[in-house]
Amino acid sequence: MAAAAPHHPRQRPPLPPQTRPVPPPSRAHPLSRWPGLEPIDREKTCPLLLRVFTKIGSHHKMEDFAVGGKEPKDEVQIYTWKDATLHELTDLVKEVVPEARRQSARLSFAFVYPDIHGRFMLRVVGVTHSNARRPYDAKALGELSFQIGDYLDVAIL
């Protein structure tokens, strides 16, 4: 009977082979270039409910969100993940808001969230164009510091 080779206490055991190849940098996941933000496996991760409020011409006023349960009526509820890009969200908004389908339509995205005093704040995070690609299209919610529970306000300009 052969004896197993002794394991030296300072020697690390070999690492198991990688099960999935890492995508090349040009095709890397949008969140992989941001430290601390891991790519999301959409098949294994439960989506979050994103409450999206749309308005033609401008963003909503903060007073519109001041009373819980009395948010603006033009709401779209989307189940998505933090790695959803503004381009994906633009396509979803275009499905339900006809004005967003115009050739010249621009969509301004803003997060609405309460500050430490409970007052709602609005922070514009990007602008996309209905029928053209722009740099902000590839930005993911997680990259833009989205927190679960934030609202998304979309001004259709």
C-alpha atoms as a PDB file:
ATOM      1  CA  MET A   1       0.000   0.000   0.000  1.00  0.00           C
ATOM      2  CA  ALA A   2       1.449   3.365  -1.020  1.00  0.00           C
ATOM      3  CA  ALA A   3       1.513   6.148   1.534  1.00  0.00           C
ATOM      4  CA  ALA A   4       0.179   9.584   0.693  1.00  0.00           C
ATOM      5  CA  ALA A   5       2.749  12.315   0.298  1.00  0.00           C
ATOM      6  CA  PRO A   6       3.015  14.353   3.467  1.00  0.00           C
ATOM      7  CA  HIS A   7       1.376  17.785   3.314  1.00  0.00           C
ATOM      8  CA  HIS A   8       3.803  20.521   4.269  1.00  0.00           C
ATOM      9  CA  PRO A   9       2.045  22.931   6.701  1.00  0.00           C
ATOM     10  CA  ARG A  10       3.182  26.056   4.818  1.00  0.00           C
ATOM     11  CA  GLN A  11       2.293  24.727   1.431  1.00  0.00           C
ATOM     12  CA  ARG A  12      -1.113  25.621   0.014  1.00  0.00           C
ATOM     13  CA  PRO A  13      -3.162  22.916  -1.640  1.00  0.00           C
ATOM     14  CA  PRO A  14      -3.546  23.359  -5.402  1.00  0.00           C
ATOM     15  CA  LEU A  15      -6.498  25.456  -6.561  1.00  0.00           C
ATOM     16  CA  PRO A  16      -9.287  23.662  -8.423  1.00  0.00           C
ATOM     17  CA  PRO A  17      -9.453  24.381 -12.147  1.00  0.00           C
ATOM     18  CA  GLN A  18     -11.615  27.358 -13.151  1.00  0.00           C
ATOM     19  CA  THR A  19     -15.067  26.171 -14.169  1.00  0.00           C
ATOM     20  CA  ARG A  20     -15.961  29.189 -16.305  1.00  0.00           C
ATOM     21  CA  PRO A  21     -13.518  31.118 -18.447  1.00  0.00           C
ATOM     22  CA  VAL A  22     -13.248  34.815 -17.661  1.00  0.00           C
ATOM     23  CA  PRO A  23     -14.646  36.885 -20.546  1.00  0.00           C
ATOM     24  CA  PRO A  24     -12.082  38.918 -22.483  1.00  0.00           C
ATOM     25  CA  PRO A  25     -11.875  42.584 -21.418  1.00  0.00           C
ATOM     26  CA  SER A  26     -13.785  43.817 -24.471  1.00  0.00           C
ATOM     27  CA  ARG A  27     -16.757  41.594 -23.616  1.00  0.00           C
ATOM     28  CA  ALA A  28     -16.511  41.847 -19.853  1.00  0.00           C
ATOM     29  CA  HIS A  29     -19.660  42.278 -17.819  1.00  0.00           C
ATOM     30  CA  PRO A  30     -20.496  45.996 -17.201  1.00  0.00           C
ATOM     31  CA  LEU A  31     -20.008  45.653 -13.447  1.00  0.00           C
ATOM     32  CA  SER A  32     -16.715  43.750 -13.658  1.00  0.00           C
ATOM     33  CA  ARG A  33     -14.731  46.964 -14.090  1.00  0.00           C
ATOM     34  CA  TRP A  34     -16.032  48.369 -10.786  1.00  0.00           C
ATOM     35  CA  PRO A  35     -14.351  46.986  -7.676  1.00  0.00           C
ATOM     36  CA  GLY A  36     -16.780  45.452  -5.211  1.00  0.00           C
ATOM     37  CA  LEU A  37     -19.577  45.038  -7.759  1.00  0.00           C
ATOM     38  CA  GLU A  38     -19.842  41.447  -8.866  1.00  0.00           C
ATOM     39  CA  PRO A  39     -21.610  40.293 -12.024  1.00  0.00           C
ATOM     40  CA  ILE A  40     -25.078  38.969 -11.299  1.00  0.00           C
ATOM     41  CA  ASP A  41     -26.249  35.543 -12.412  1.00  0.00           C
ATOM     42  CA  ARG A  42     -29.788  36.445 -13.464  1.00  0.00           C
ATOM     43  CA  GLU A  43     -30.805  32.782 -13.495  1.00  0.00           C
ATOM     44  CA  LYS A  44     -29.922  32.315  -9.819  1.00  0.00           C
ATOM     45  CA  THR A  45     -30.518  35.796  -8.372  1.00  0.00           C
ATOM     46  CA  CYS A  46     -33.974  37.032  -7.467  1.00  0.00           C
ATOM     47  CA  PRO A  47     -34.821  40.314  -9.253  1.00  0.00           C
ATOM     48  CA  LEU A  48     -35.687  43.501  -7.390  1.00  0.00           C
ATOM     49  CA  LEU A  49     -38.804  45.605  -7.878  1.00  0.00           C
ATOM     50  CA  LEU A  50     -37.897  48.916  -9.491  1.00  0.00           C
ATOM     51  CA  ARG A  51     -40.604  51.558  -9.281  1.00  0.00           C
ATOM     52  CA  VAL A  52     -40.255  53.786 -12.342  1.00  0.00           C
ATOM     53  CA  PHE A  53     -42.119  57.092 -12.632  1.00  0.00           C
ATOM     54  CA  THR A  54     -42.285  58.695 -16.074  1.00  0.00           C
ATOM     55  CA  LYS A  55     -43.162  62.261 -16.983  1.00  0.00           C
ATOM     56  CA  ILE A  56     -43.203  64.075 -20.300  1.00  0.00           C
ATOM     57  CA  GLY A  57     -41.105  67.271 -20.411  1.00  0.00           C
ATOM     58  CA  SER A  58     -39.380  67.207 -17.001  1.00  0.00           C
ATOM     59  CA  HIS A  59     -38.695  65.236 -13.858  1.00  0.00           C
ATOM     60  CA  HIS A  60     -41.300  65.077 -11.102  1.00  0.00           C
ATOM     61  CA  LYS A  61     -41.110  67.530  -8.204  1.00  0.00           C
ATOM     62  CA  MET A  62     -39.870  66.177  -4.902  1.00  0.00           C
ATOM     63  CA  GLU A  63     -43.213  67.101  -3.327  1.00  0.00           C
ATOM     64  CA  ASP A  64     -44.805  64.442  -5.544  1.00  0.00           C
ATOM     65  CA  PHE A  65     -42.989  61.791  -3.475  1.00  0.00           C
ATOM     66  CA  ALA A  66     -43.384  63.420  -0.042  1.00  0.00           C
ATOM     67  CA  VAL A  67     -46.362  61.349   1.113  1.00  0.00           C
ATOM     68  CA  GLY A  68     -45.938  57.581   1.086  1.00  0.00           C
ATOM     69  CA  GLY A  69     -48.693  55.835  -0.851  1.00  0.00           C
ATOM     70  CA  LYS A  70     -49.436  59.020  -2.851  1.00  0.00           C
ATOM     71  CA  GLU A  71     -46.617  58.780  -5.365  1.00  0.00           C
ATOM     72  CA  PRO A  72     -47.248  59.986  -8.945  1.00  0.00           C
ATOM     73  CA  LYS A  73     -49.794  57.924 -10.867  1.00  0.00           C
ATOM     74  CA  ASP A  74     -47.647  57.396 -13.965  1.00  0.00           C
ATOM     75  CA  GLU A  75     -45.778  54.441 -12.494  1.00  0.00           C
ATOM     76  CA  VAL A  76     -44.308  51.415 -14.226  1.00  0.00           C
ATOM     77  CA  GLN A  77     -43.135  48.529 -12.048  1.00  0.00           C
ATOM     78  CA  ILE A  78     -40.196  46.594 -13.440  1.00  0.00           C
ATOM     79  CA  TYR A  79     -38.554  43.498 -12.011  1.00  0.00           C
ATOM     80  CA  THR A  80     -34.857  43.759 -12.790  1.00  0.00           C
ATOM     81  CA  TRP A  81     -31.351  43.422 -11.355  1.00  0.00           C
ATOM     82  CA  LYS A  82     -28.697  45.931 -10.293  1.00  0.00           C
ATOM     83  CA  ASP A  83     -26.721  45.108 -13.430  1.00  0.00           C
ATOM     84  CA  ALA A  84     -29.540  46.372 -15.695  1.00  0.00           C
ATOM     85  CA  THR A  85     -28.211  49.087 -17.991  1.00  0.00           C
ATOM     86  CA  LEU A  86     -29.869  52.371 -18.870  1.00  0.00           C
ATOM     87  CA  HIS A  87     -30.214  51.009 -22.415  1.00  0.00           C
ATOM     88  CA  GLU A  88     -32.251  48.047 -21.137  1.00  0.00           C
ATOM     89  CA  LEU A  89     -34.414  50.377 -19.051  1.00  0.00           C
ATOM     90  CA  THR A  90     -34.869  52.699 -22.051  1.00  0.00           C
ATOM     91  CA  ASP A  91     -36.215  49.785 -24.091  1.00  0.00           C
ATOM     92  CA  LEU A  92     -38.626  48.820 -21.295  1.00  0.00           C
ATOM     93  CA  VAL A  93     -39.915  52.399 -20.935  1.00  0.00           C
ATOM     94  CA  LYS A  94     -40.373  52.621 -24.725  1.00  0.00           C
ATOM     95  CA  GLU A  95     -42.657  49.571 -24.571  1.00  0.00           C
ATOM     96  CA  VAL A  96     -45.146  51.302 -22.245  1.00  0.00           C
ATOM     97  CA  VAL A  97     -44.781  55.041 -22.961  1.00  0.00           C
ATOM     98  CA  PRO A  98     -45.481  55.911 -26.622  1.00  0.00           C
ATOM     99  CA  GLU A  99     -43.794  59.344 -26.361  1.00  0.00           C
ATOM    100  CA  ALA A 100     -40.492  57.621 -25.558  1.00  0.00           C
ATOM    101  CA  ARG A 101     -40.531  55.979 -29.003  1.00  0.00           C
ATOM    102  CA  ARG A 102     -40.195  59.258 -30.902  1.00  0.00           C
ATOM    103  CA  GLN A 103     -37.056  59.518 -33.070  1.00  0.00           C
ATOM    104  CA  SER A 104     -35.903  62.612 -31.185  1.00  0.00           C
ATOM    105  CA  ALA A 105     -36.863  61.454 -27.673  1.00  0.00           C
ATOM    106  CA  ARG A 106     -34.282  61.754 -24.902  1.00  0.00           C
ATOM    107  CA  LEU A 107     -34.788  59.974 -21.590  1.00  0.00           C
ATOM    108  CA  SER A 108     -33.263  61.548 -18.497  1.00  0.00           C
ATOM    109  CA  PHE A 109     -32.859  59.055 -15.643  1.00  0.00           C
ATOM    110  CA  ALA A 110     -32.748  60.152 -12.002  1.00  0.00           C
ATOM    111  CA  PHE A 111     -32.749  58.322  -8.682  1.00  0.00           C
ATOM    112  CA  VAL A 112     -35.216  59.540  -6.072  1.00  0.00           C
ATOM    113  CA  TYR A 113     -34.358  58.616  -2.498  1.00  0.00           C
ATOM    114  CA  PRO A 114     -34.802  59.989   1.031  1.00  0.00           C
ATOM    115  CA  ASP A 115     -31.898  61.879   2.604  1.00  0.00           C
ATOM    116  CA  ILE A 116     -30.886  61.402   6.257  1.00  0.00           C
ATOM    117  CA  HIS A 117     -33.685  63.788   7.312  1.00  0.00           C
ATOM    118  CA  GLY A 118     -36.371  61.900   5.373  1.00  0.00           C
ATOM    119  CA  ARG A 119     -36.716  64.509   2.593  1.00  0.00           C
ATOM    120  CA  PHE A 120     -36.665  63.134  -0.918  1.00  0.00           C
ATOM    121  CA  MET A 121     -33.717  64.006  -3.132  1.00  0.00           C
ATOM    122  CA  LEU A 122     -33.403  63.666  -6.908  1.00  0.00           C
ATOM    123  CA  ARG A 123     -30.068  62.861  -8.556  1.00  0.00           C
ATOM    124  CA  VAL A 124     -29.815  62.727 -12.359  1.00  0.00           C
ATOM    125  CA  VAL A 125     -27.661  59.756 -13.323  1.00  0.00           C
ATOM    126  CA  GLY A 126     -27.745  59.701 -17.129  1.00  0.00           C
ATOM    127  CA  VAL A 127     -29.463  60.573 -20.390  1.00  0.00           C
ATOM    128  CA  THR A 128     -30.188  58.155 -23.219  1.00  0.00           C
ATOM    129  CA  HIS A 129     -31.569  58.765 -26.688  1.00  0.00           C
ATOM    130  CA  SER A 130     -34.482  56.763 -28.004  1.00  0.00           C
ATOM    131  CA  ASN A 131     -32.872  55.712 -31.275  1.00  0.00           C
ATOM    132  CA  ALA A 132     -29.130  56.279 -30.843  1.00  0.00           C
ATOM    133  CA  ARG A 133     -26.393  54.799 -28.689  1.00  0.00           C
ATOM    134  CA  ARG A 134     -24.633  57.097 -26.223  1.00  0.00           C
ATOM    135  CA  PRO A 135     -21.991  56.473 -23.524  1.00  0.00           C
ATOM    136  CA  TYR A 136     -24.567  56.393 -20.709  1.00  0.00           C
ATOM    137  CA  ASP A 137     -26.457  53.520 -22.356  1.00  0.00           C
ATOM    138  CA  ALA A 138     -23.977  50.989 -20.959  1.00  0.00           C
ATOM    139  CA  LYS A 139     -24.111  52.288 -17.371  1.00  0.00           C
ATOM    140  CA  ALA A 140     -25.646  49.780 -14.963  1.00  0.00           C
ATOM    141  CA  LEU A 141     -27.798  50.682 -11.958  1.00  0.00           C
ATOM    142  CA  GLY A 142     -25.132  49.300  -9.620  1.00  0.00           C
ATOM    143  CA  GLU A 143     -22.424  51.443 -11.241  1.00  0.00           C
ATOM    144  CA  LEU A 144     -24.553  54.514 -10.636  1.00  0.00           C
ATOM    145  CA  SER A 145     -24.886  53.771  -6.880  1.00  0.00           C
ATOM    146  CA  PHE A 146     -28.478  52.574  -7.068  1.00  0.00           C
ATOM    147  CA  GLN A 147     -29.751  51.292  -3.718  1.00  0.00           C
ATOM    148  CA  ILE A 148     -32.659  48.866  -3.422  1.00  0.00           C
ATOM    149  CA  GLY A 149     -35.679  50.968  -2.483  1.00  0.00           C
ATOM    150  CA  ASP A 150     -34.711  53.988  -4.609  1.00  0.00           C
ATOM    151  CA  TYR A 151     -37.271  55.154  -7.152  1.00  0.00           C
ATOM    152  CA  LEU A 152     -36.317  55.809 -10.768  1.00  0.00           C
ATOM    153  CA  ASP A 153     -37.741  59.006 -12.246  1.00  0.00           C
ATOM    154  CA  VAL A 154     -37.598  59.219 -16.041  1.00  0.00           C
ATOM    155  CA  ALA A 155     -38.156  62.530 -17.809  1.00  0.00           C
ATOM    156  CA  ILE A 156     -39.043  62.075 -21.473  1.00  0.00           C
ATOM    157  CA  LEU A 157     -37.700  65.118 -23.267  1.00  0.00           C
END
